Full PDB file with SEQRES, HELIX, SHEET, SSBOND, CRYST1, ORIGX, SCALE, CONECT and MASTER records, all heavy atoms in Angstrom:
SEQRES   1 A   40  ASN GLN TYR THR SER ASN VAL GLU SER GLY SER THR ARG          
SEQRES   2 A   40  THR GLU ILE LYS HIS TRP VAL GLU LEU PHE PHE GLY VAL          
SEQRES   3 A   40  LYS VAL ILE ALA MET ASN SER HIS ARG LEU GLY ARG ARG          
SEQRES   4 A   40  MET                                                          
HELIX    1 AA1 ARG A   13  PHE A   24  1                                  12    
CRYST1    1.000    1.000    1.000  90.00  90.00  90.00 P 1           1          
ORIGX1      1.000000  0.000000  0.000000        0.00000                         
ORIGX2      0.000000  1.000000  0.000000        0.00000                         
ORIGX3      0.000000  0.000000  1.000000        0.00000                         
SCALE1      1.000000  0.000000  0.000000        0.00000                         
SCALE2      0.000000  1.000000  0.000000        0.00000                         
SCALE3      0.000000  0.000000  1.000000        0.00000                         
ATOM      1  N   ASN A   1     113.439 110.103 121.098  1.00  0.00           N  
ATOM      2  CA  ASN A   1     112.632 111.028 120.353  1.00  0.00           C  
ATOM      3  C   ASN A   1     112.435 110.524 118.951  1.00  0.00           C  
ATOM      4  O   ASN A   1     112.455 111.373 117.962  1.00  0.00           O  
ATOM      5  CB  ASN A   1     113.286 112.414 120.310  1.00  0.00           C  
ATOM      6  CG  ASN A   1     112.344 113.569 120.288  1.00  0.00           C  
ATOM      7  OD1 ASN A   1     111.179 113.344 120.608  1.00  0.00           O  
ATOM      8  ND2 ASN A   1     112.779 114.720 119.866  1.00  0.00           N  
ATOM      9  N   GLN A   2     112.201 109.210 118.846  1.00  0.00           N  
ATOM     10  CA  GLN A   2     111.859 108.591 117.523  1.00  0.00           C  
ATOM     11  C   GLN A   2     110.458 108.006 117.579  1.00  0.00           C  
ATOM     12  O   GLN A   2     110.100 107.234 118.559  1.00  0.00           O  
ATOM     13  CB  GLN A   2     112.835 107.478 117.199  1.00  0.00           C  
ATOM     14  CG  GLN A   2     114.323 108.033 117.043  1.00  0.00           C  
ATOM     15  CD  GLN A   2     115.264 106.934 116.758  1.00  0.00           C  
ATOM     16  OE1 GLN A   2     115.225 105.840 117.314  1.00  0.00           O  
ATOM     17  NE2 GLN A   2     116.154 107.144 115.864  1.00  0.00           N  
ATOM     18  N   TYR A   3     109.662 108.276 116.551  1.00  0.00           N  
ATOM     19  CA  TYR A   3     108.254 107.739 116.592  1.00  0.00           C  
ATOM     20  C   TYR A   3     108.050 106.860 115.313  1.00  0.00           C  
ATOM     21  O   TYR A   3     108.644 107.073 114.250  1.00  0.00           O  
ATOM     22  CB  TYR A   3     107.382 109.042 116.349  1.00  0.00           C  
ATOM     23  CG  TYR A   3     107.427 109.961 117.595  1.00  0.00           C  
ATOM     24  CD1 TYR A   3     108.432 110.901 117.638  1.00  0.00           C  
ATOM     25  CD2 TYR A   3     106.568 109.775 118.602  1.00  0.00           C  
ATOM     26  CE1 TYR A   3     108.499 111.730 118.882  1.00  0.00           C  
ATOM     27  CE2 TYR A   3     106.543 110.629 119.748  1.00  0.00           C  
ATOM     28  CZ  TYR A   3     107.545 111.559 119.829  1.00  0.00           C  
ATOM     29  OH  TYR A   3     107.687 112.365 120.934  1.00  0.00           O  
ATOM     30  N   THR A   4     107.307 105.815 115.505  1.00  0.00           N  
ATOM     31  CA  THR A   4     107.093 104.783 114.577  1.00  0.00           C  
ATOM     32  C   THR A   4     105.635 104.800 114.159  1.00  0.00           C  
ATOM     33  O   THR A   4     104.766 104.820 114.895  1.00  0.00           O  
ATOM     34  CB  THR A   4     107.442 103.459 115.133  1.00  0.00           C  
ATOM     35  OG1 THR A   4     108.764 103.511 115.723  1.00  0.00           O  
ATOM     36  CG2 THR A   4     107.459 102.382 114.147  1.00  0.00           C  
ATOM     37  N   SER A   5     105.463 104.696 112.773  1.00  0.00           N  
ATOM     38  CA  SER A   5     104.135 104.666 112.299  1.00  0.00           C  
ATOM     39  C   SER A   5     104.129 103.887 110.996  1.00  0.00           C  
ATOM     40  O   SER A   5     105.142 103.800 110.255  1.00  0.00           O  
ATOM     41  CB  SER A   5     103.457 106.021 112.108  1.00  0.00           C  
ATOM     42  OG  SER A   5     104.197 106.758 111.146  1.00  0.00           O  
ATOM     43  N   ASN A   6     103.007 103.362 110.504  1.00  0.00           N  
ATOM     44  CA  ASN A   6     102.758 102.746 109.262  1.00  0.00           C  
ATOM     45  C   ASN A   6     102.229 103.827 108.319  1.00  0.00           C  
ATOM     46  O   ASN A   6     101.400 104.536 108.631  1.00  0.00           O  
ATOM     47  CB  ASN A   6     101.865 101.592 109.359  1.00  0.00           C  
ATOM     48  CG  ASN A   6     102.465 100.328 109.990  1.00  0.00           C  
ATOM     49  OD1 ASN A   6     103.727 100.250 110.133  1.00  0.00           O  
ATOM     50  ND2 ASN A   6     101.693  99.414 110.403  1.00  0.00           N  
ATOM     51  N   VAL A   7     102.818 103.855 107.104  1.00  0.00           N  
ATOM     52  CA  VAL A   7     102.406 104.788 106.076  1.00  0.00           C  
ATOM     53  C   VAL A   7     102.045 104.083 104.816  1.00  0.00           C  
ATOM     54  O   VAL A   7     102.487 102.938 104.583  1.00  0.00           O  
ATOM     55  CB  VAL A   7     103.507 105.853 105.839  1.00  0.00           C  
ATOM     56  CG1 VAL A   7     103.838 106.593 107.127  1.00  0.00           C  
ATOM     57  CG2 VAL A   7     104.721 105.284 105.345  1.00  0.00           C  
ATOM     58  N   GLU A   8     101.375 104.783 103.873  1.00  0.00           N  
ATOM     59  CA  GLU A   8     101.058 104.238 102.578  1.00  0.00           C  
ATOM     60  C   GLU A   8     102.367 103.896 101.917  1.00  0.00           C  
ATOM     61  O   GLU A   8     103.248 104.758 101.833  1.00  0.00           O  
ATOM     62  CB  GLU A   8     100.189 105.186 101.842  1.00  0.00           C  
ATOM     63  CG  GLU A   8      98.850 105.495 102.323  1.00  0.00           C  
ATOM     64  CD  GLU A   8      97.863 104.431 102.078  1.00  0.00           C  
ATOM     65  OE1 GLU A   8      98.103 103.574 101.126  1.00  0.00           O  
ATOM     66  OE2 GLU A   8      96.909 104.306 102.811  1.00  0.00           O  
ATOM     67  N   SER A   9     102.408 102.807 101.124  1.00  0.00           N  
ATOM     68  CA  SER A   9     103.682 102.370 100.462  1.00  0.00           C  
ATOM     69  C   SER A   9     103.903 103.350  99.335  1.00  0.00           C  
ATOM     70  O   SER A   9     105.073 103.536  98.874  1.00  0.00           O  
ATOM     71  CB  SER A   9     103.590 101.017  99.910  1.00  0.00           C  
ATOM     72  OG  SER A   9     102.514 100.796  99.074  1.00  0.00           O  
ATOM     73  N   GLY A  10     102.875 104.020  98.702  1.00  0.00           N  
ATOM     74  CA  GLY A  10     103.116 104.935  97.597  1.00  0.00           C  
ATOM     75  C   GLY A  10     103.567 106.305  97.985  1.00  0.00           C  
ATOM     76  O   GLY A  10     103.993 107.138  97.148  1.00  0.00           O  
ATOM     77  N   SER A  11     103.590 106.613  99.293  1.00  0.00           N  
ATOM     78  CA  SER A  11     104.037 107.962  99.764  1.00  0.00           C  
ATOM     79  C   SER A  11     105.477 108.000  99.809  1.00  0.00           C  
ATOM     80  O   SER A  11     106.192 107.069 100.185  1.00  0.00           O  
ATOM     81  CB  SER A  11     103.452 108.174 101.184  1.00  0.00           C  
ATOM     82  OG  SER A  11     102.070 108.057 101.183  1.00  0.00           O  
ATOM     83  N   THR A  12     106.062 109.177  99.379  1.00  0.00           N  
ATOM     84  CA  THR A  12     107.503 109.328  99.409  1.00  0.00           C  
ATOM     85  C   THR A  12     107.972 109.946 100.815  1.00  0.00           C  
ATOM     86  O   THR A  12     107.179 110.360 101.577  1.00  0.00           O  
ATOM     87  CB  THR A  12     107.940 110.304  98.341  1.00  0.00           C  
ATOM     88  OG1 THR A  12     107.401 111.663  98.587  1.00  0.00           O  
ATOM     89  CG2 THR A  12     107.508 109.868  96.970  1.00  0.00           C  
ATOM     90  N   ARG A  13     109.236 109.810 101.064  1.00  0.00           N  
ATOM     91  CA  ARG A  13     109.764 110.297 102.339  1.00  0.00           C  
ATOM     92  C   ARG A  13     109.522 111.766 102.430  1.00  0.00           C  
ATOM     93  O   ARG A  13     109.271 112.315 103.521  1.00  0.00           O  
ATOM     94  CB  ARG A  13     111.315 110.115 102.366  1.00  0.00           C  
ATOM     95  CG  ARG A  13     111.655 108.675 102.594  1.00  0.00           C  
ATOM     96  CD  ARG A  13     113.167 108.581 102.443  1.00  0.00           C  
ATOM     97  NE  ARG A  13     113.571 107.166 102.750  1.00  0.00           N  
ATOM     98  CZ  ARG A  13     114.338 106.907 103.769  1.00  0.00           C  
ATOM     99  NH1 ARG A  13     114.733 107.816 104.650  1.00  0.00           N  
ATOM    100  NH2 ARG A  13     114.642 105.665 104.017  1.00  0.00           N  
ATOM    101  N   THR A  14     109.646 112.488 101.324  1.00  0.00           N  
ATOM    102  CA  THR A  14     109.502 113.978 101.358  1.00  0.00           C  
ATOM    103  C   THR A  14     108.053 114.292 101.703  1.00  0.00           C  
ATOM    104  O   THR A  14     107.831 115.248 102.485  1.00  0.00           O  
ATOM    105  CB  THR A  14     109.845 114.543  99.985  1.00  0.00           C  
ATOM    106  OG1 THR A  14     111.074 114.172  99.616  1.00  0.00           O  
ATOM    107  CG2 THR A  14     109.813 116.085 100.023  1.00  0.00           C  
ATOM    108  N   GLU A  15     107.069 113.549 101.182  1.00  0.00           N  
ATOM    109  CA  GLU A  15     105.693 113.879 101.510  1.00  0.00           C  
ATOM    110  C   GLU A  15     105.395 113.585 102.996  1.00  0.00           C  
ATOM    111  O   GLU A  15     104.745 114.338 103.634  1.00  0.00           O  
ATOM    112  CB  GLU A  15     104.791 112.905 100.648  1.00  0.00           C  
ATOM    113  CG  GLU A  15     104.723 113.256  99.201  1.00  0.00           C  
ATOM    114  CD  GLU A  15     103.949 112.289  98.418  1.00  0.00           C  
ATOM    115  OE1 GLU A  15     103.770 111.141  98.885  1.00  0.00           O  
ATOM    116  OE2 GLU A  15     103.507 112.636  97.261  1.00  0.00           O  
ATOM    117  N   ILE A  16     105.927 112.488 103.477  1.00  0.00           N  
ATOM    118  CA  ILE A  16     105.626 112.102 104.888  1.00  0.00           C  
ATOM    119  C   ILE A  16     106.306 113.190 105.787  1.00  0.00           C  
ATOM    120  O   ILE A  16     105.666 113.618 106.736  1.00  0.00           O  
ATOM    121  CB  ILE A  16     106.178 110.728 105.218  1.00  0.00           C  
ATOM    122  CG1 ILE A  16     105.521 109.660 104.324  1.00  0.00           C  
ATOM    123  CG2 ILE A  16     106.132 110.375 106.657  1.00  0.00           C  
ATOM    124  CD1 ILE A  16     104.031 109.507 104.655  1.00  0.00           C  
ATOM    125  N   LYS A  17     107.565 113.583 105.497  1.00  0.00           N  
ATOM    126  CA  LYS A  17     108.221 114.554 106.282  1.00  0.00           C  
ATOM    127  C   LYS A  17     107.399 115.888 106.246  1.00  0.00           C  
ATOM    128  O   LYS A  17     107.225 116.492 107.287  1.00  0.00           O  
ATOM    129  CB  LYS A  17     109.625 114.830 105.760  1.00  0.00           C  
ATOM    130  CG  LYS A  17     110.352 115.826 106.511  1.00  0.00           C  
ATOM    131  CD  LYS A  17     111.828 115.992 105.966  1.00  0.00           C  
ATOM    132  CE  LYS A  17     112.575 117.089 106.742  1.00  0.00           C  
ATOM    133  NZ  LYS A  17     113.866 117.306 106.308  1.00  0.00           N  
ATOM    134  N   HIS A  18     106.949 116.288 105.119  1.00  0.00           N  
ATOM    135  CA  HIS A  18     106.143 117.504 104.973  1.00  0.00           C  
ATOM    136  C   HIS A  18     104.914 117.377 105.776  1.00  0.00           C  
ATOM    137  O   HIS A  18     104.516 118.326 106.532  1.00  0.00           O  
ATOM    138  CB  HIS A  18     105.834 117.796 103.514  1.00  0.00           C  
ATOM    139  CG  HIS A  18     105.025 118.997 103.288  1.00  0.00           C  
ATOM    140  ND1 HIS A  18     105.502 120.311 103.562  1.00  0.00           N  
ATOM    141  CD2 HIS A  18     103.702 119.205 103.017  1.00  0.00           C  
ATOM    142  CE1 HIS A  18     104.560 121.145 103.322  1.00  0.00           C  
ATOM    143  NE2 HIS A  18     103.468 120.492 102.939  1.00  0.00           N  
ATOM    144  N   TRP A  19     104.124 116.249 105.759  1.00  0.00           N  
ATOM    145  CA  TRP A  19     102.952 116.042 106.475  1.00  0.00           C  
ATOM    146  C   TRP A  19     103.165 116.143 107.947  1.00  0.00           C  
ATOM    147  O   TRP A  19     102.387 116.815 108.682  1.00  0.00           O  
ATOM    148  CB  TRP A  19     102.319 114.738 106.191  1.00  0.00           C  
ATOM    149  CG  TRP A  19     101.686 114.663 104.830  1.00  0.00           C  
ATOM    150  CD1 TRP A  19     101.166 115.714 104.045  1.00  0.00           C  
ATOM    151  CD2 TRP A  19     101.483 113.492 104.061  1.00  0.00           C  
ATOM    152  NE1 TRP A  19     100.703 115.242 102.849  1.00  0.00           N  
ATOM    153  CE2 TRP A  19     100.930 113.927 102.782  1.00  0.00           C  
ATOM    154  CE3 TRP A  19     101.731 112.171 104.222  1.00  0.00           C  
ATOM    155  CZ2 TRP A  19     100.568 112.997 101.798  1.00  0.00           C  
ATOM    156  CZ3 TRP A  19     101.446 111.217 103.237  1.00  0.00           C  
ATOM    157  CH2 TRP A  19     100.876 111.687 102.073  1.00  0.00           C  
ATOM    158  N   VAL A  20     104.250 115.449 108.476  1.00  0.00           N  
ATOM    159  CA  VAL A  20     104.533 115.451 109.856  1.00  0.00           C  
ATOM    160  C   VAL A  20     104.882 116.845 110.382  1.00  0.00           C  
ATOM    161  O   VAL A  20     104.336 117.268 111.396  1.00  0.00           O  
ATOM    162  CB  VAL A  20     105.629 114.449 110.230  1.00  0.00           C  
ATOM    163  CG1 VAL A  20     106.068 114.605 111.707  1.00  0.00           C  
ATOM    164  CG2 VAL A  20     105.148 113.009 109.957  1.00  0.00           C  
ATOM    165  N   GLU A  21     105.699 117.548 109.684  1.00  0.00           N  
ATOM    166  CA  GLU A  21     106.100 118.879 110.115  1.00  0.00           C  
ATOM    167  C   GLU A  21     104.995 119.862 110.082  1.00  0.00           C  
ATOM    168  O   GLU A  21     104.822 120.719 110.930  1.00  0.00           O  
ATOM    169  CB  GLU A  21     107.331 119.411 109.199  1.00  0.00           C  
ATOM    170  CG  GLU A  21     108.584 118.664 109.536  1.00  0.00           C  
ATOM    171  CD  GLU A  21     109.724 119.188 108.683  1.00  0.00           C  
ATOM    172  OE1 GLU A  21     109.487 119.832 107.627  1.00  0.00           O  
ATOM    173  OE2 GLU A  21     110.910 118.935 109.087  1.00  0.00           O  
ATOM    174  N   LEU A  22     104.104 119.850 109.088  1.00  0.00           N  
ATOM    175  CA  LEU A  22     103.053 120.696 108.932  1.00  0.00           C  
ATOM    176  C   LEU A  22     101.912 120.384 109.997  1.00  0.00           C  
ATOM    177  O   LEU A  22     101.401 121.299 110.636  1.00  0.00           O  
ATOM    178  CB  LEU A  22     102.478 120.562 107.543  1.00  0.00           C  
ATOM    179  CG  LEU A  22     101.380 121.641 107.105  1.00  0.00           C  
ATOM    180  CD1 LEU A  22     102.019 123.022 107.123  1.00  0.00           C  
ATOM    181  CD2 LEU A  22     100.799 121.243 105.746  1.00  0.00           C  
ATOM    182  N   PHE A  23     101.520 119.121 110.060  1.00  0.00           N  
ATOM    183  CA  PHE A  23     100.369 118.747 110.930  1.00  0.00           C  
ATOM    184  C   PHE A  23     100.781 118.914 112.453  1.00  0.00           C  
ATOM    185  O   PHE A  23      99.933 119.343 113.176  1.00  0.00           O  
ATOM    186  CB  PHE A  23      99.997 117.349 110.713  1.00  0.00           C  
ATOM    187  CG  PHE A  23      98.719 116.948 111.338  1.00  0.00           C  
ATOM    188  CD1 PHE A  23      97.476 117.402 110.907  1.00  0.00           C  
ATOM    189  CD2 PHE A  23      98.782 116.043 112.393  1.00  0.00           C  
ATOM    190  CE1 PHE A  23      96.358 117.016 111.525  1.00  0.00           C  
ATOM    191  CE2 PHE A  23      97.612 115.709 113.040  1.00  0.00           C  
ATOM    192  CZ  PHE A  23      96.448 116.194 112.667  1.00  0.00           C  
ATOM    193  N   PHE A  24     101.951 118.491 112.825  1.00  0.00           N  
ATOM    194  CA  PHE A  24     102.299 118.518 114.265  1.00  0.00           C  
ATOM    195  C   PHE A  24     103.165 119.707 114.646  1.00  0.00           C  
ATOM    196  O   PHE A  24     103.402 119.853 115.824  1.00  0.00           O  
ATOM    197  CB  PHE A  24     103.062 117.178 114.640  1.00  0.00           C  
ATOM    198  CG  PHE A  24     102.226 115.982 114.525  1.00  0.00           C  
ATOM    199  CD1 PHE A  24     102.511 115.038 113.562  1.00  0.00           C  
ATOM    200  CD2 PHE A  24     101.143 115.724 115.426  1.00  0.00           C  
ATOM    201  CE1 PHE A  24     101.714 113.893 113.437  1.00  0.00           C  
ATOM    202  CE2 PHE A  24     100.415 114.623 115.304  1.00  0.00           C  
ATOM    203  CZ  PHE A  24     100.683 113.651 114.348  1.00  0.00           C  
ATOM    204  N   GLY A  25     103.700 120.484 113.698  1.00  0.00           N  
ATOM    205  CA  GLY A  25     104.443 121.583 114.053  1.00  0.00           C  
ATOM    206  C   GLY A  25     105.807 121.243 114.670  1.00  0.00           C  
ATOM    207  O   GLY A  25     106.278 121.872 115.608  1.00  0.00           O  
ATOM    208  N   VAL A  26     106.375 120.227 114.109  1.00  0.00           N  
ATOM    209  CA  VAL A  26     107.761 119.780 114.677  1.00  0.00           C  
ATOM    210  C   VAL A  26     108.787 119.817 113.493  1.00  0.00           C  
ATOM    211  O   VAL A  26     108.475 120.103 112.373  1.00  0.00           O  
ATOM    212  CB  VAL A  26     107.647 118.294 115.171  1.00  0.00           C  
ATOM    213  CG1 VAL A  26     106.665 118.234 116.345  1.00  0.00           C  
ATOM    214  CG2 VAL A  26     107.204 117.381 114.033  1.00  0.00           C  
ATOM    215  N   LYS A  27     110.061 119.571 113.941  1.00  0.00           N  
ATOM    216  CA  LYS A  27     111.194 119.511 112.963  1.00  0.00           C  
ATOM    217  C   LYS A  27     111.684 118.097 112.905  1.00  0.00           C  
ATOM    218  O   LYS A  27     112.191 117.610 113.858  1.00  0.00           O  
ATOM    219  CB  LYS A  27     112.221 120.541 113.423  1.00  0.00           C  
ATOM    220  CG  LYS A  27     113.389 120.619 112.464  1.00  0.00           C  
ATOM    221  CD  LYS A  27     113.079 121.243 111.194  1.00  0.00           C  
ATOM    222  CE  LYS A  27     114.302 121.342 110.289  1.00  0.00           C  
ATOM    223  NZ  LYS A  27     113.953 121.535 108.932  1.00  0.00           N  
ATOM    224  N   VAL A  28     111.583 117.503 111.726  1.00  0.00           N  
ATOM    225  CA  VAL A  28     112.116 116.129 111.521  1.00  0.00           C  
ATOM    226  C   VAL A  28     113.593 116.202 111.024  1.00  0.00           C  
ATOM    227  O   VAL A  28     113.928 117.004 110.119  1.00  0.00           O  
ATOM    228  CB  VAL A  28     111.286 115.488 110.381  1.00  0.00           C  
ATOM    229  CG1 VAL A  28     111.896 114.096 110.074  1.00  0.00           C  
ATOM    230  CG2 VAL A  28     109.810 115.393 110.885  1.00  0.00           C  
ATOM    231  N   ILE A  29     114.460 115.436 111.716  1.00  0.00           N  
ATOM    232  CA  ILE A  29     115.843 115.484 111.335  1.00  0.00           C  
ATOM    233  C   ILE A  29     116.268 114.252 110.628  1.00  0.00           C  
ATOM    234  O   ILE A  29     117.260 114.251 109.909  1.00  0.00           O  
ATOM    235  CB  ILE A  29     116.820 115.722 112.548  1.00  0.00           C  
ATOM    236  CG1 ILE A  29     116.601 114.704 113.606  1.00  0.00           C  
ATOM    237  CG2 ILE A  29     116.589 117.174 113.084  1.00  0.00           C  
ATOM    238  CD1 ILE A  29     117.566 114.879 114.761  1.00  0.00           C  
ATOM    239  N   ALA A  30     115.546 113.114 110.757  1.00  0.00           N  
ATOM    240  CA  ALA A  30     115.867 111.808 110.073  1.00  0.00           C  
ATOM    241  C   ALA A  30     114.545 110.987 109.915  1.00  0.00           C  
ATOM    242  O   ALA A  30     113.738 111.079 110.664  1.00  0.00           O  
ATOM    243  CB  ALA A  30     116.909 111.103 110.864  1.00  0.00           C  
ATOM    244  N   MET A  31     114.648 110.203 108.818  1.00  0.00           N  
ATOM    245  CA  MET A  31     113.505 109.248 108.608  1.00  0.00           C  
ATOM    246  C   MET A  31     114.190 107.970 108.041  1.00  0.00           C  
ATOM    247  O   MET A  31     114.898 107.987 107.210  1.00  0.00           O  
ATOM    248  CB  MET A  31     112.554 109.826 107.581  1.00  0.00           C  
ATOM    249  CG  MET A  31     111.826 111.058 108.051  1.00  0.00           C  
ATOM    250  SD  MET A  31     110.691 111.690 106.848  1.00  0.00           S  
ATOM    251  CE  MET A  31     109.535 110.436 106.732  1.00  0.00           C  
ATOM    252  N   ASN A  32     113.680 106.854 108.690  1.00  0.00           N  
ATOM    253  CA  ASN A  32     114.072 105.503 108.112  1.00  0.00           C  
ATOM    254  C   ASN A  32     112.829 104.771 107.846  1.00  0.00           C  
ATOM    255  O   ASN A  32     111.827 104.863 108.505  1.00  0.00           O  
ATOM    256  CB  ASN A  32     114.898 104.788 109.207  1.00  0.00           C  
ATOM    257  CG  ASN A  32     116.171 105.452 109.564  1.00  0.00           C  
ATOM    258  OD1 ASN A  32     116.850 105.963 108.646  1.00  0.00           O  
ATOM    259  ND2 ASN A  32     116.464 105.472 110.816  1.00  0.00           N  
ATOM    260  N   SER A  33     112.845 103.923 106.779  1.00  0.00           N  
ATOM    261  CA  SER A  33     111.678 103.197 106.429  1.00  0.00           C  
ATOM    262  C   SER A  33     112.045 101.796 105.968  1.00  0.00           C  
ATOM    263  O   SER A  33     113.231 101.575 105.510  1.00  0.00           O  
ATOM    264  CB  SER A  33     110.904 103.930 105.300  1.00  0.00           C  
ATOM    265  OG  SER A  33     111.648 103.913 104.100  1.00  0.00           O  
ATOM    266  N   HIS A  34     111.093 100.836 106.133  1.00  0.00           N  
ATOM    267  CA  HIS A  34     111.328  99.571 105.569  1.00  0.00           C  
ATOM    268  C   HIS A  34     109.984  98.923 105.304  1.00  0.00           C  
ATOM    269  O   HIS A  34     109.006  99.299 106.008  1.00  0.00           O  
ATOM    270  CB  HIS A  34     112.119  98.615 106.526  1.00  0.00           C  
ATOM    271  CG  HIS A  34     111.524  98.378 107.860  1.00  0.00           C  
ATOM    272  ND1 HIS A  34     111.550  99.228 108.851  1.00  0.00           N  
ATOM    273  CD2 HIS A  34     110.810  97.327 108.310  1.00  0.00           C  
ATOM    274  CE1 HIS A  34     110.913  98.755 109.911  1.00  0.00           C  
ATOM    275  NE2 HIS A  34     110.302  97.563 109.533  1.00  0.00           N  
ATOM    276  N   ARG A  35     109.970  98.024 104.356  1.00  0.00           N  
ATOM    277  CA  ARG A  35     108.760  97.262 104.061  1.00  0.00           C  
ATOM    278  C   ARG A  35     108.689  96.044 105.021  1.00  0.00           C  
ATOM    279  O   ARG A  35     109.685  95.432 105.241  1.00  0.00           O  
ATOM    280  CB  ARG A  35     108.694  96.761 102.619  1.00  0.00           C  
ATOM    281  CG  ARG A  35     108.602  98.023 101.663  1.00  0.00           C  
ATOM    282  CD  ARG A  35     108.349  97.535 100.284  1.00  0.00           C  
ATOM    283  NE  ARG A  35     107.142  96.703 100.332  1.00  0.00           N  
ATOM    284  CZ  ARG A  35     106.536  96.225  99.181  1.00  0.00           C  
ATOM    285  NH1 ARG A  35     107.082  96.489  98.037  1.00  0.00           N  
ATOM    286  NH2 ARG A  35     105.509  95.548  99.298  1.00  0.00           N  
ATOM    287  N   LEU A  36     107.506  95.722 105.463  1.00  0.00           N  
ATOM    288  CA  LEU A  36     107.403  94.628 106.351  1.00  0.00           C  
ATOM    289  C   LEU A  36     107.479  93.352 105.649  1.00  0.00           C  
ATOM    290  O   LEU A  36     106.727  93.126 104.633  1.00  0.00           O  
ATOM    291  CB  LEU A  36     106.073  94.717 107.120  1.00  0.00           C  
ATOM    292  CG  LEU A  36     105.971  96.004 108.001  1.00  0.00           C  
ATOM    293  CD1 LEU A  36     104.597  96.065 108.580  1.00  0.00           C  
ATOM    294  CD2 LEU A  36     106.977  96.020 109.032  1.00  0.00           C  
ATOM    295  N   GLY A  37     108.281  92.431 105.987  1.00  0.00           N  
ATOM    296  CA  GLY A  37     108.485  91.171 105.270  1.00  0.00           C  
ATOM    297  C   GLY A  37     108.485  89.998 106.226  1.00  0.00           C  
ATOM    298  O   GLY A  37     108.535  90.168 107.509  1.00  0.00           O  
ATOM    299  N   ARG A  38     108.446  88.859 105.692  1.00  0.00           N  
ATOM    300  CA  ARG A  38     108.423  87.619 106.510  1.00  0.00           C  
ATOM    301  C   ARG A  38     109.480  86.724 105.981  1.00  0.00           C  
ATOM    302  O   ARG A  38     109.460  86.384 104.729  1.00  0.00           O  
ATOM    303  CB  ARG A  38     107.003  87.004 106.470  1.00  0.00           C  
ATOM    304  CG  ARG A  38     106.894  85.815 107.327  1.00  0.00           C  
ATOM    305  CD  ARG A  38     105.547  85.336 107.306  1.00  0.00           C  
ATOM    306  NE  ARG A  38     104.647  86.415 107.908  1.00  0.00           N  
ATOM    307  CZ  ARG A  38     103.381  86.381 107.978  1.00  0.00           C  
ATOM    308  NH1 ARG A  38     102.764  85.314 107.523  1.00  0.00           N  
ATOM    309  NH2 ARG A  38     102.687  87.377 108.443  1.00  0.00           N  
ATOM    310  N   ARG A  39     110.340  86.182 106.808  1.00  0.00           N  
ATOM    311  CA  ARG A  39     111.421  85.218 106.251  1.00  0.00           C  
ATOM    312  C   ARG A  39     110.833  83.813 106.333  1.00  0.00           C  
ATOM    313  O   ARG A  39     110.335  83.402 107.295  1.00  0.00           O  
ATOM    314  CB  ARG A  39     112.662  85.345 107.105  1.00  0.00           C  
ATOM    315  CG  ARG A  39     113.714  84.461 106.627  1.00  0.00           C  
ATOM    316  CD  ARG A  39     115.136  84.894 107.089  1.00  0.00           C  
ATOM    317  NE  ARG A  39     115.595  86.149 106.591  1.00  0.00           N  
ATOM    318  CZ  ARG A  39     116.046  86.462 105.376  1.00  0.00           C  
ATOM    319  NH1 ARG A  39     116.127  85.463 104.498  1.00  0.00           N  
ATOM    320  NH2 ARG A  39     116.535  87.651 105.071  1.00  0.00           N  
ATOM    321  N   MET A  40     110.964  83.191 105.203  1.00  0.00           N  
ATOM    322  CA  MET A  40     110.621  81.828 105.064  1.00  0.00           C  
ATOM    323  C   MET A  40     111.818  80.993 104.543  1.00  0.00           C  
ATOM    324  O   MET A  40     111.993  80.787 103.378  1.00  0.00           O  
ATOM    325  CB  MET A  40     109.473  81.697 104.094  1.00  0.00           C  
ATOM    326  CG  MET A  40     108.153  82.334 104.530  1.00  0.00           C  
ATOM    327  SD  MET A  40     106.943  82.437 103.259  1.00  0.00           S  
ATOM    328  CE  MET A  40     107.433  84.001 102.527  1.00  0.00           C  
TER     329      MET A  40                                                      
MASTER        0    0    0    1    0    0    0    6  328    1    0    4          
END                                                                             
């Protein structure tokens, strides 16, 4: 029951959680995020 999506880097976790709960009518219990990087 975990969904993965790319979001704007300027958006906060609180904003994303609010958008997901409001738009889809679901209850979010956890959020993890990371910036995509490349190891050289």
